[in-house]
Amino acid sequence: MEIIPTQKIINRDGIKAVKNGQKANEYSSVPNQKKPEWIRVKATFDKRFDAVKQQVQDKRLNTVCEEAMCPNISECWSAGTATFMLMGSVCTRACKFCSVDTGNPKGWLDLDEPMHTARAVKTMGLKYVVLTSVNRDDLEDGGAEHYARTVKAIKELNPETAVEALTPDFKGLSSSIDTLVNCGLEVFAQNVETVKRLTHPVRDIRAGYEQTLEVLAESKRINPNVLTKTSLILGLGETDAEIEE
């Protein structure tokens, strides 16, 4: 068995965090064995992968591909796509399914990030870009204004590019939702993540099944022209009936 201890780090922005978001717990001992073939991904590292990686590094951007340890990173980057993660690499929440570092950024933001992201989109020639972010409960608006500035910067340099924002729940704050859905994006997304019964075992205690649904409903009330979207993670013990609900 491999023991995975709690690791405390200081990231490149000087923010203290718990690495991969979780403290050592009853599940920290994992079998040290190979994954089955059906779940393994064949890594491909080509010139396009290297080009995306260079863009991310040069502009000091974060991607959910890296920070959440996504196994599909080589497939997406080799296709010239990436999901940009705004507002740093440290999340104020600690959902059980997520590998992003957890901590308190204490109001820190990279004010150059909106323009750097826009320039990366232009260099990569993206016609559709997905933005996501860490939760920022340390900010009064949850980071909504920073999100909106990034969308506007992308649109200014890339007027033909469609933007999808996969956002935090902003603690249900209507003014933050308004800021996002009226900033020029095409798709507003907030993930319910799992079925109602499994919400608290899977998501951070500050997240809520009903709250996510209300955020989506509020976004539609404010701006019916913006598409809304949500996603479920399957395989956590949910039933077919719960999914259909």
C-alpha atoms as a PDB file:
ATOM      1  CA  MET A   1       0.000   0.000   0.000  1.00  0.00           C
ATOM      2  CA  GLU A   2       1.145   3.520  -0.793  1.00  0.00           C
ATOM      3  CA  ILE A   3       0.527   6.061   1.983  1.00  0.00           C
ATOM      4  CA  ILE A   4      -0.377   9.538   0.738  1.00  0.00           C
ATOM      5  CA  PRO A   5       0.364  12.061   3.522  1.00  0.00           C
ATOM      6  CA  THR A   6      -0.995  15.583   3.825  1.00  0.00           C
ATOM      7  CA  GLN A   7       1.332  17.913   1.940  1.00  0.00           C
ATOM      8  CA  LYS A   8       1.421  21.633   2.665  1.00  0.00           C
ATOM      9  CA  ILE A   9       2.952  23.807  -0.029  1.00  0.00           C
ATOM     10  CA  ILE A  10       3.585  27.412  -1.006  1.00  0.00           C
ATOM     11  CA  ASN A  11       2.752  27.925  -4.678  1.00  0.00           C
ATOM     12  CA  ARG A  12       4.452  30.206  -7.209  1.00  0.00           C
ATOM     13  CA  ASP A  13       2.250  33.123  -6.119  1.00  0.00           C
ATOM     14  CA  GLY A  14       3.322  32.749  -2.486  1.00  0.00           C
ATOM     15  CA  ILE A  15      -0.007  31.264  -1.318  1.00  0.00           C
ATOM     16  CA  LYS A  16      -0.027  28.495   1.296  1.00  0.00           C
ATOM     17  CA  ALA A  17      -2.170  25.497   0.403  1.00  0.00           C
ATOM     18  CA  VAL A  18      -2.899  21.829   1.001  1.00  0.00           C
ATOM     19  CA  LYS A  19      -1.602  19.980  -2.055  1.00  0.00           C
ATOM     20  CA  ASN A  20      -4.314  18.263  -4.120  1.00  0.00           C
ATOM     21  CA  GLY A  21      -6.958  19.675  -1.796  1.00  0.00           C
ATOM     22  CA  GLN A  22      -7.256  16.867   0.746  1.00  0.00           C
ATOM     23  CA  LYS A  23      -5.823  16.211   4.180  1.00  0.00           C
ATOM     24  CA  ALA A  24      -4.748  12.674   5.005  1.00  0.00           C
ATOM     25  CA  ASN A  25      -7.814  10.539   5.780  1.00  0.00           C
ATOM     26  CA  GLU A  26      -9.082   6.956   5.800  1.00  0.00           C
ATOM     27  CA  TYR A  27      -8.740   6.813   2.025  1.00  0.00           C
ATOM     28  CA  SER A  28      -5.130   8.034   1.970  1.00  0.00           C
ATOM     29  CA  SER A  29      -3.806   4.480   1.719  1.00  0.00           C
ATOM     30  CA  VAL A  30      -4.190   3.281  -1.846  1.00  0.00           C
ATOM     31  CA  PRO A  31      -3.103   0.025  -3.500  1.00  0.00           C
ATOM     32  CA  ASN A  32       0.206   0.495  -5.298  1.00  0.00           C
ATOM     33  CA  GLN A  33      -0.793  -1.231  -8.520  1.00  0.00           C
ATOM     34  CA  LYS A  34      -1.325  -0.505 -12.206  1.00  0.00           C
ATOM     35  CA  LYS A  35      -4.663   0.742 -13.465  1.00  0.00           C
ATOM     36  CA  PRO A  36      -6.663  -1.668 -15.648  1.00  0.00           C
ATOM     37  CA  GLU A  37      -6.129  -1.299 -19.392  1.00  0.00           C
ATOM     38  CA  TRP A  38      -9.672  -0.043 -20.053  1.00  0.00           C
ATOM     39  CA  ILE A  39      -9.128   3.047 -17.915  1.00  0.00           C
ATOM     40  CA  ARG A  40      -5.597   3.880 -19.048  1.00  0.00           C
ATOM     41  CA  VAL A  41      -5.002   6.716 -21.507  1.00  0.00           C
ATOM     42  CA  LYS A  42      -2.271   6.633 -24.117  1.00  0.00           C
ATOM     43  CA  ALA A  43      -0.221   9.798 -23.750  1.00  0.00           C
ATOM     44  CA  THR A  44       0.699  11.716 -26.885  1.00  0.00           C
ATOM     45  CA  PHE A  45       3.233  14.526 -26.705  1.00  0.00           C
ATOM     46  CA  ASP A  46       3.630  16.236 -30.048  1.00  0.00           C
ATOM     47  CA  LYS A  47       4.509  19.717 -31.309  1.00  0.00           C
ATOM     48  CA  ARG A  48       1.013  21.042 -30.707  1.00  0.00           C
ATOM     49  CA  PHE A  49       1.084  19.752 -27.129  1.00  0.00           C
ATOM     50  CA  ASP A  50       4.399  21.528 -26.615  1.00  0.00           C
ATOM     51  CA  ALA A  51       3.014  24.737 -28.139  1.00  0.00           C
ATOM     52  CA  VAL A  52       0.051  24.800 -25.744  1.00  0.00           C
ATOM     53  CA  LYS A  53       2.318  24.055 -22.795  1.00  0.00           C
ATOM     54  CA  GLN A  54       4.630  26.901 -23.827  1.00  0.00           C
ATOM     55  CA  GLN A  55       1.705  29.342 -24.024  1.00  0.00           C
ATOM     56  CA  VAL A  56       0.531  28.351 -20.552  1.00  0.00           C
ATOM     57  CA  GLN A  57       4.005  28.691 -19.054  1.00  0.00           C
ATOM     58  CA  ASP A  58       4.986  31.914 -20.822  1.00  0.00           C
ATOM     59  CA  LYS A  59       1.813  33.720 -19.750  1.00  0.00           C
ATOM     60  CA  ARG A  60       1.778  32.198 -16.236  1.00  0.00           C
ATOM     61  CA  LEU A  61      -1.688  30.769 -16.785  1.00  0.00           C
ATOM     62  CA  ASN A  62      -3.344  27.922 -14.916  1.00  0.00           C
ATOM     63  CA  THR A  63      -5.332  25.140 -16.561  1.00  0.00           C
ATOM     64  CA  VAL A  64      -7.738  22.688 -15.004  1.00  0.00           C
ATOM     65  CA  CYS A  65      -5.957  20.128 -17.192  1.00  0.00           C
ATOM     66  CA  GLU A  66      -2.856  20.397 -15.002  1.00  0.00           C
ATOM     67  CA  GLU A  67      -4.186  21.512 -11.626  1.00  0.00           C
ATOM     68  CA  ALA A  68      -6.958  18.889 -11.471  1.00  0.00           C
ATOM     69  CA  MET A  69      -4.586  16.208 -12.826  1.00  0.00           C
ATOM     70  CA  CYS A  70      -6.873  15.412 -15.762  1.00  0.00           C
ATOM     71  CA  PRO A  71      -5.858  12.158 -17.497  1.00  0.00           C
ATOM     72  CA  ASN A  72      -6.973  13.538 -20.881  1.00  0.00           C
ATOM     73  CA  ILE A  73      -4.458  16.390 -20.944  1.00  0.00           C
ATOM     74  CA  SER A  74      -2.350  14.984 -23.778  1.00  0.00           C
ATOM     75  CA  GLU A  75      -5.410  14.376 -25.962  1.00  0.00           C
ATOM     76  CA  CYS A  76      -6.732  17.922 -25.541  1.00  0.00           C
ATOM     77  CA  TRP A  77      -3.429  19.774 -25.715  1.00  0.00           C
ATOM     78  CA  SER A  78      -2.387  17.790 -28.788  1.00  0.00           C
ATOM     79  CA  ALA A  79      -5.621  19.020 -30.396  1.00  0.00           C
ATOM     80  CA  GLY A  80      -4.642  22.594 -29.521  1.00  0.00           C
ATOM     81  CA  THR A  81      -7.286  23.086 -26.820  1.00  0.00           C
ATOM     82  CA  ALA A  82      -7.115  23.748 -23.097  1.00  0.00           C
ATOM     83  CA  THR A  83      -9.471  24.821 -20.315  1.00  0.00           C
ATOM     84  CA  PHE A  84      -8.089  27.925 -18.645  1.00  0.00           C
ATOM     85  CA  MET A  85      -8.501  28.094 -14.861  1.00  0.00           C
ATOM     86  CA  LEU A  86      -8.802  31.656 -13.600  1.00  0.00           C
ATOM     87  CA  MET A  87      -7.927  33.322 -10.289  1.00  0.00           C
ATOM     88  CA  GLY A  88      -4.974  31.159  -9.359  1.00  0.00           C
ATOM     89  CA  SER A  89      -4.376  27.515  -8.546  1.00  0.00           C
ATOM     90  CA  VAL A  90      -5.630  27.542  -4.934  1.00  0.00           C
ATOM     91  CA  CYS A  91      -9.317  26.914  -4.196  1.00  0.00           C
ATOM     92  CA  THR A  92     -11.051  27.962  -0.987  1.00  0.00           C
ATOM     93  CA  ARG A  93     -13.091  24.746  -1.064  1.00  0.00           C
ATOM     94  CA  ALA A  94     -12.149  21.066  -0.912  1.00  0.00           C
ATOM     95  CA  CYS A  95     -14.501  18.837  -2.888  1.00  0.00           C
ATOM     96  CA  LYS A  96     -13.663  15.160  -2.474  1.00  0.00           C
ATOM     97  CA  PHE A  97     -13.452  14.441  -6.212  1.00  0.00           C
ATOM     98  CA  CYS A  98     -11.076  17.304  -7.014  1.00  0.00           C
ATOM     99  CA  SER A  99      -7.259  17.429  -6.988  1.00  0.00           C
ATOM    100  CA  VAL A 100      -6.892  21.226  -7.013  1.00  0.00           C
ATOM    101  CA  ASP A 101      -4.914  22.653  -4.081  1.00  0.00           C
ATOM    102  CA  THR A 102      -6.942  24.117  -1.184  1.00  0.00           C
ATOM    103  CA  GLY A 103      -6.173  27.214   0.860  1.00  0.00           C
ATOM    104  CA  ASN A 104      -6.974  30.884   1.401  1.00  0.00           C
ATOM    105  CA  PRO A 105      -5.528  33.259  -1.240  1.00  0.00           C
ATOM    106  CA  LYS A 106      -6.577  36.211   0.973  1.00  0.00           C
ATOM    107  CA  GLY A 107      -7.762  38.394  -1.879  1.00  0.00           C
ATOM    108  CA  TRP A 108      -4.824  37.789  -4.234  1.00  0.00           C
ATOM    109  CA  LEU A 109      -5.525  38.139  -7.964  1.00  0.00           C
ATOM    110  CA  ASP A 110      -3.290  38.358 -11.026  1.00  0.00           C
ATOM    111  CA  LEU A 111      -4.591  41.542 -12.641  1.00  0.00           C
ATOM    112  CA  ASP A 112      -2.732  40.720 -15.867  1.00  0.00           C
ATOM    113  CA  GLU A 113      -4.512  37.381 -16.231  1.00  0.00           C
ATOM    114  CA  PRO A 114      -7.441  38.640 -18.374  1.00  0.00           C
ATOM    115  CA  MET A 115      -5.139  40.041 -21.075  1.00  0.00           C
ATOM    116  CA  HIS A 116      -2.703  37.122 -20.887  1.00  0.00           C
ATOM    117  CA  THR A 117      -5.607  34.711 -21.368  1.00  0.00           C
ATOM    118  CA  ALA A 118      -6.935  36.712 -24.316  1.00  0.00           C
ATOM    119  CA  ARG A 119      -3.523  36.699 -25.987  1.00  0.00           C
ATOM    120  CA  ALA A 120      -3.159  32.951 -25.464  1.00  0.00           C
ATOM    121  CA  VAL A 121      -6.561  32.391 -27.093  1.00  0.00           C
ATOM    122  CA  LYS A 122      -5.463  34.489 -30.077  1.00  0.00           C
ATOM    123  CA  THR A 123      -2.102  32.741 -30.444  1.00  0.00           C
ATOM    124  CA  MET A 124      -3.760  29.318 -30.237  1.00  0.00           C
ATOM    125  CA  GLY A 125      -6.405  30.358 -32.768  1.00  0.00           C
ATOM    126  CA  LEU A 126      -9.273  29.109 -30.613  1.00  0.00           C
ATOM    127  CA  LYS A 127     -12.812  29.578 -31.925  1.00  0.00           C
ATOM    128  CA  TYR A 128     -14.356  28.220 -28.715  1.00  0.00           C
ATOM    129  CA  VAL A 129     -12.766  28.673 -25.309  1.00  0.00           C
ATOM    130  CA  VAL A 130     -13.795  27.255 -21.942  1.00  0.00           C
ATOM    131  CA  LEU A 131     -12.954  29.220 -18.810  1.00  0.00           C
ATOM    132  CA  THR A 132     -13.246  27.742 -15.361  1.00  0.00           C
ATOM    133  CA  SER A 133     -11.861  28.810 -12.008  1.00  0.00           C
ATOM    134  CA  VAL A 134     -11.187  27.916  -8.441  1.00  0.00           C
ATOM    135  CA  ASN A 135     -13.771  28.944  -5.846  1.00  0.00           C
ATOM    136  CA  ARG A 136     -12.825  32.279  -4.300  1.00  0.00           C
ATOM    137  CA  ASP A 137     -14.916  32.661  -1.164  1.00  0.00           C
ATOM    138  CA  ASP A 138     -12.299  35.150   0.073  1.00  0.00           C
ATOM    139  CA  LEU A 139     -13.527  37.693  -2.510  1.00  0.00           C
ATOM    140  CA  GLU A 140     -16.748  39.615  -1.879  1.00  0.00           C
ATOM    141  CA  ASP A 141     -18.127  38.883  -5.355  1.00  0.00           C
ATOM    142  CA  GLY A 142     -16.540  35.437  -5.598  1.00  0.00           C
ATOM    143  CA  GLY A 143     -14.348  36.687  -8.436  1.00  0.00           C
ATOM    144  CA  ALA A 144     -17.221  37.533 -10.807  1.00  0.00           C
ATOM    145  CA  GLU A 145     -15.760  40.869 -11.906  1.00  0.00           C
ATOM    146  CA  HIS A 146     -12.380  39.269 -12.671  1.00  0.00           C
ATOM    147  CA  TYR A 147     -14.180  36.599 -14.696  1.00  0.00           C
ATOM    148  CA  ALA A 148     -16.076  39.277 -16.632  1.00  0.00           C
ATOM    149  CA  ARG A 149     -12.890  41.242 -17.354  1.00  0.00           C
ATOM    150  CA  THR A 150     -11.350  38.081 -18.794  1.00  0.00           C
ATOM    151  CA  VAL A 151     -14.335  37.410 -21.049  1.00  0.00           C
ATOM    152  CA  LYS A 152     -14.297  41.011 -22.291  1.00  0.00           C
ATOM    153  CA  ALA A 153     -10.538  40.877 -22.958  1.00  0.00           C
ATOM    154  CA  ILE A 154     -10.964  37.669 -24.968  1.00  0.00           C
ATOM    155  CA  LYS A 155     -13.802  39.189 -26.993  1.00  0.00           C
ATOM    156  CA  GLU A 156     -11.810  42.352 -27.681  1.00  0.00           C
ATOM    157  CA  LEU A 157      -8.893  40.435 -29.216  1.00  0.00           C
ATOM    158  CA  ASN A 158     -10.955  37.521 -30.567  1.00  0.00           C
ATOM    159  CA  PRO A 159     -14.399  38.840 -31.579  1.00  0.00           C
ATOM    160  CA  GLU A 160     -15.311  35.600 -33.390  1.00  0.00           C
ATOM    161  CA  THR A 161     -14.457  33.344 -30.439  1.00  0.00           C
ATOM    162  CA  ALA A 162     -17.316  31.894 -28.385  1.00  0.00           C
ATOM    163  CA  VAL A 163     -16.753  31.793 -24.615  1.00  0.00           C
ATOM    164  CA  GLU A 164     -18.098  29.295 -22.092  1.00  0.00           C
ATOM    165  CA  ALA A 165     -17.658  30.046 -18.393  1.00  0.00           C
ATOM    166  CA  LEU A 166     -17.832  27.126 -15.955  1.00  0.00           C
ATOM    167  CA  THR A 167     -18.132  29.109 -12.751  1.00  0.00           C
ATOM    168  CA  PRO A 168     -18.269  28.674  -8.983  1.00  0.00           C
ATOM    169  CA  ASP A 169     -21.680  29.112  -7.339  1.00  0.00           C
ATOM    170  CA  PHE A 170     -20.726  32.584  -6.024  1.00  0.00           C
ATOM    171  CA  LYS A 171     -22.592  31.563  -2.842  1.00  0.00           C
ATOM    172  CA  GLY A 172     -25.773  32.192  -4.813  1.00  0.00           C
ATOM    173  CA  LEU A 173     -25.129  35.948  -5.033  1.00  0.00           C
ATOM    174  CA  SER A 174     -27.442  37.357  -7.709  1.00  0.00           C
ATOM    175  CA  SER A 175     -25.244  40.387  -8.428  1.00  0.00           C
ATOM    176  CA  SER A 176     -22.285  38.130  -9.263  1.00  0.00           C
ATOM    177  CA  ILE A 177     -24.412  35.978 -11.560  1.00  0.00           C
ATOM    178  CA  ASP A 178     -25.637  39.172 -13.253  1.00  0.00           C
ATOM    179  CA  THR A 179     -22.046  40.314 -13.796  1.00  0.00           C
ATOM    180  CA  LEU A 180     -21.219  37.064 -15.583  1.00  0.00           C
ATOM    181  CA  VAL A 181     -24.247  36.511 -17.777  1.00  0.00           C
ATOM    182  CA  ASN A 182     -24.182  40.112 -19.020  1.00  0.00           C
ATOM    183  CA  CYS A 183     -20.464  40.308 -19.861  1.00  0.00           C
ATOM    184  CA  GLY A 184     -20.703  38.937 -23.403  1.00  0.00           C
ATOM    185  CA  LEU A 185     -20.245  35.180 -22.974  1.00  0.00           C
ATOM    186  CA  GLU A 186     -22.228  32.564 -24.880  1.00  0.00           C
ATOM    187  CA  VAL A 187     -22.531  29.773 -22.295  1.00  0.00           C
ATOM    188  CA  PHE A 188     -22.911  29.970 -18.499  1.00  0.00           C
ATOM    189  CA  ALA A 189     -22.198  26.674 -16.730  1.00  0.00           C
ATOM    190  CA  GLN A 190     -22.359  25.614 -13.091  1.00  0.00           C
ATOM    191  CA  ASN A 191     -21.928  21.937 -12.316  1.00  0.00           C
ATOM    192  CA  VAL A 192     -24.289  20.127  -9.986  1.00  0.00           C
ATOM    193  CA  GLU A 193     -21.490  17.462  -9.908  1.00  0.00           C
ATOM    194  CA  THR A 194     -23.566  14.622  -8.412  1.00  0.00           C
ATOM    195  CA  VAL A 195     -27.083  13.590  -7.421  1.00  0.00           C
ATOM    196  CA  LYS A 196     -28.801  15.200  -4.436  1.00  0.00           C
ATOM    197  CA  ARG A 197     -28.188  12.301  -2.020  1.00  0.00           C
ATOM    198  CA  LEU A 198     -24.431  12.329  -2.619  1.00  0.00           C
ATOM    199  CA  THR A 199     -23.911  16.090  -2.634  1.00  0.00           C
ATOM    200  CA  HIS A 200     -22.475  16.470   0.859  1.00  0.00           C
ATOM    201  CA  PRO A 201     -20.297  13.321   0.811  1.00  0.00           C
ATOM    202  CA  VAL A 202     -18.830  14.398  -2.553  1.00  0.00           C
ATOM    203  CA  ARG A 203     -18.821  18.210  -2.641  1.00  0.00           C
ATOM    204  CA  ASP A 204     -17.504  20.774  -0.182  1.00  0.00           C
ATOM    205  CA  ILE A 205     -19.957  21.422   2.645  1.00  0.00           C
ATOM    206  CA  ARG A 206     -20.434  25.009   1.400  1.00  0.00           C
ATOM    207  CA  ALA A 207     -21.748  23.757  -1.938  1.00  0.00           C
ATOM    208  CA  GLY A 208     -25.389  22.776  -2.341  1.00  0.00           C
ATOM    209  CA  TYR A 209     -27.484  20.816  -4.818  1.00  0.00           C
ATOM    210  CA  GLU A 210     -30.403  23.244  -4.602  1.00  0.00           C
ATOM    211  CA  GLN A 211     -28.073  26.236  -4.635  1.00  0.00           C
ATOM    212  CA  THR A 212     -26.501  25.139  -7.919  1.00  0.00           C
ATOM    213  CA  LEU A 213     -29.935  24.690  -9.501  1.00  0.00           C
ATOM    214  CA  GLU A 214     -30.963  28.120  -8.238  1.00  0.00           C
ATOM    215  CA  VAL A 215     -27.795  29.706  -9.672  1.00  0.00           C
ATOM    216  CA  LEU A 216     -28.633  28.216 -13.072  1.00  0.00           C
ATOM    217  CA  ALA A 217     -32.259  29.339 -12.823  1.00  0.00           C
ATOM    218  CA  GLU A 218     -31.213  32.849 -11.787  1.00  0.00           C
ATOM    219  CA  SER A 219     -28.807  33.118 -14.713  1.00  0.00           C
ATOM    220  CA  LYS A 220     -31.676  32.275 -17.067  1.00  0.00           C
ATOM    221  CA  ARG A 221     -33.985  34.794 -15.414  1.00  0.00           C
ATOM    222  CA  ILE A 222     -31.382  37.546 -15.754  1.00  0.00           C
ATOM    223  CA  ASN A 223     -30.372  36.798 -19.346  1.00  0.00           C
ATOM    224  CA  PRO A 224     -32.508  34.242 -21.220  1.00  0.00           C
ATOM    225  CA  ASN A 225     -30.284  34.569 -24.312  1.00  0.00           C
ATOM    226  CA  VAL A 226     -27.269  32.965 -22.628  1.00  0.00           C
ATOM    227  CA  LEU A 227     -27.162  29.173 -22.789  1.00  0.00           C
ATOM    228  CA  THR A 228     -27.032  27.402 -19.430  1.00  0.00           C
ATOM    229  CA  LYS A 229     -25.284  24.119 -18.795  1.00  0.00           C
ATOM    230  CA  THR A 230     -24.524  21.680 -15.982  1.00  0.00           C
ATOM    231  CA  SER A 231     -22.771  18.312 -15.658  1.00  0.00           C
ATOM    232  CA  LEU A 232     -22.849  15.191 -13.499  1.00  0.00           C
ATOM    233  CA  ILE A 233     -19.997  12.894 -12.494  1.00  0.00           C
ATOM    234  CA  LEU A 234     -21.153   9.283 -12.837  1.00  0.00           C
ATOM    235  CA  GLY A 235     -19.871   6.250 -10.974  1.00  0.00           C
ATOM    236  CA  LEU A 236     -20.106   7.526  -7.396  1.00  0.00           C
ATOM    237  CA  GLY A 237     -22.918   5.200  -6.326  1.00  0.00           C
ATOM    238  CA  GLU A 238     -25.884   7.030  -7.805  1.00  0.00           C
ATOM    239  CA  THR A 239     -28.886   5.158  -9.202  1.00  0.00           C
ATOM    240  CA  ASP A 240     -30.504   5.549 -12.625  1.00  0.00           C
ATOM    241  CA  ALA A 241     -33.596   7.010 -10.958  1.00  0.00           C
ATOM    242  CA  GLU A 242     -31.504   9.636  -9.157  1.00  0.00           C
ATOM    243  CA  ILE A 243     -29.827  10.638 -12.412  1.00  0.00           C
ATOM    244  CA  GLU A 244     -33.175  11.028 -14.173  1.00  0.00           C
ATOM    245  CA  GLU A 245     -34.479  13.142 -11.293  1.00  0.00           C
END
